[in-house]
Amino acid sequence: MLKAYELLGFAKVNEVDEEKARAIAESIKENGWQGAPILTYGNCLVTGSHRLRAIEILYDEDFSLDFECAYDVMDVLKEKGISEEELWESVDNLSTIFEGTWVEEYADEIEEW
């Protein structure tokens, strides 16, 4: 698992609604990290643009970012024999990539599923 501070500087994969990101930041402050981890591939974001923006907001507020919140899926893809190219071709429909893996338990929380 990756800690929140390790994600600073990652590029987002889609546009972010600032209000939604601020609500996520408030939730993290009140309840800690909840739900699906952000998925990364190396130093690239696969999911979680709003959650990453929430982390950036927390960083700007000097909130501790020493919590686990992301998972690099490189090994999952390697085990399934899926190339990086196939991942990026399927990024809008992640069920084709992660079906049958531990990631599937978060299917209801991952918009791109």
Protein backbone atom coordinates (compact mmCIF):
# COMPACT_ATOMS: atom_id res chain seq x y z
CA MET A 1 0.00 0.00 0.00
CA LEU A 2 1.07 3.54 -0.69
CA LYS A 3 0.70 6.38 1.78
CA ALA A 4 -1.09 9.58 0.84
CA TYR A 5 2.07 11.69 0.77
CA GLU A 6 3.54 9.34 -1.85
CA LEU A 7 0.81 10.39 -4.31
CA LEU A 8 1.64 14.09 -4.27
CA GLY A 9 2.72 15.08 -7.76
CA PHE A 10 0.82 12.31 -9.56
CA ALA A 11 -1.20 13.55 -12.54
CA LYS A 12 -4.96 13.19 -12.31
CA VAL A 13 -6.75 11.00 -14.86
CA ASN A 14 -9.85 13.16 -15.24
CA GLU A 15 -11.29 16.55 -14.37
CA VAL A 16 -12.07 17.26 -10.75
CA ASP A 17 -15.13 18.85 -9.15
CA GLU A 18 -13.53 20.99 -6.44
CA GLU A 19 -16.61 20.84 -4.21
CA LYS A 20 -16.62 17.04 -4.31
CA ALA A 21 -12.88 16.95 -3.51
CA ARG A 22 -13.38 19.28 -0.53
CA ALA A 23 -16.17 17.04 0.79
CA ILE A 24 -13.85 14.03 0.52
CA ALA A 25 -11.11 15.94 2.36
CA GLU A 26 -13.53 16.78 5.19
CA SER A 27 -14.60 13.13 5.38
CA ILE A 28 -10.97 12.00 5.63
CA LYS A 29 -10.35 14.50 8.45
CA GLU A 30 -13.42 13.26 10.34
CA ASN A 31 -13.35 9.51 9.60
CA GLY A 32 -9.95 8.64 8.19
CA TRP A 33 -9.56 6.94 4.82
CA GLN A 34 -12.68 4.94 3.91
CA GLY A 35 -13.46 2.63 1.01
CA ALA A 36 -11.57 1.71 -2.10
CA PRO A 37 -7.90 2.47 -2.42
CA ILE A 38 -6.73 4.74 -5.19
CA LEU A 39 -5.28 2.54 -7.93
CA THR A 40 -1.93 3.42 -9.45
CA TYR A 41 0.34 1.89 -12.03
CA GLY A 42 3.91 2.86 -11.25
CA ASN A 43 3.76 6.63 -10.82
CA CYS A 44 0.52 7.02 -12.82
CA LEU A 45 -2.98 7.30 -11.38
CA VAL A 46 -5.50 4.76 -12.69
CA THR A 47 -8.42 5.87 -10.46
CA GLY A 48 -8.98 8.50 -7.81
CA SER A 49 -8.61 12.00 -9.22
CA HIS A 50 -11.08 13.45 -6.69
CA ARG A 51 -9.48 11.56 -3.81
CA LEU A 52 -6.03 12.73 -4.91
CA ARG A 53 -7.27 16.33 -5.01
CA ALA A 54 -8.66 15.80 -1.48
CA ILE A 55 -5.18 14.67 -0.40
CA GLU A 56 -3.70 17.82 -1.95
CA ILE A 57 -6.21 19.94 -0.02
CA LEU A 58 -5.23 18.17 3.20
CA TYR A 59 -1.57 18.75 2.39
CA ASP A 60 -2.24 22.47 1.95
CA GLU A 61 -3.91 22.43 5.40
CA ASP A 62 -0.88 20.69 7.00
CA PHE A 63 -2.97 17.60 7.76
CA SER A 64 -0.86 14.48 8.24
CA LEU A 65 -0.71 12.40 5.05
CA ASP A 66 0.83 9.39 6.77
CA PHE A 67 -2.10 7.06 6.02
CA GLU A 68 -2.38 4.23 3.51
CA CYS A 69 -4.78 4.94 0.68
CA ALA A 70 -3.43 3.61 -2.63
CA TYR A 71 -2.28 0.41 -4.24
CA ASP A 72 0.03 -0.08 -7.20
CA VAL A 73 -1.69 -2.67 -9.43
CA MET A 74 1.42 -3.54 -11.45
CA ASP A 75 1.72 -6.99 -9.81
CA VAL A 76 -2.00 -7.72 -10.26
CA LEU A 77 -1.70 -7.02 -13.98
CA LYS A 78 1.48 -9.05 -14.26
CA GLU A 79 -0.22 -12.06 -12.61
CA LYS A 80 -3.09 -11.81 -15.10
CA GLY A 81 -0.74 -11.37 -18.06
CA ILE A 82 -2.15 -7.93 -18.88
CA SER A 83 0.13 -5.37 -20.46
CA GLU A 84 0.34 -1.69 -19.59
CA GLU A 85 -1.11 -0.92 -23.02
CA GLU A 86 -4.15 -3.11 -22.29
CA LEU A 87 -4.65 -1.30 -18.97
CA TRP A 88 -4.74 2.13 -20.58
CA GLU A 89 -7.04 0.88 -23.37
CA SER A 90 -9.48 -0.36 -20.70
CA VAL A 91 -9.18 2.43 -18.14
CA ASP A 92 -12.82 3.48 -18.67
CA ASN A 93 -14.05 -0.09 -18.06
CA LEU A 94 -11.83 -1.56 -15.37
CA SER A 95 -13.99 -4.64 -14.90
CA THR A 96 -12.37 -6.14 -18.00
CA ILE A 97 -8.96 -5.83 -16.32
CA PHE A 98 -9.64 -6.51 -12.64
CA GLU A 99 -12.47 -9.04 -12.75
CA GLY A 100 -11.58 -11.97 -10.48
CA THR A 101 -8.99 -10.00 -8.46
CA TRP A 102 -9.16 -8.42 -5.01
CA VAL A 103 -9.92 -5.10 -6.74
CA GLU A 104 -13.36 -6.45 -7.68
CA GLU A 105 -14.50 -6.19 -4.05
CA TYR A 106 -14.52 -2.40 -4.59
CA ALA A 107 -16.47 -2.53 -7.88
CA ASP A 108 -19.43 -0.56 -6.46
CA GLU A 109 -17.08 2.23 -5.36
CA ILE A 110 -15.02 2.55 -8.56
CA GLU A 111 -16.78 4.78 -11.06
CA GLU A 112 -14.81 3.34 -13.99
CA TRP A 113 -15.96 -0.20 -13.21
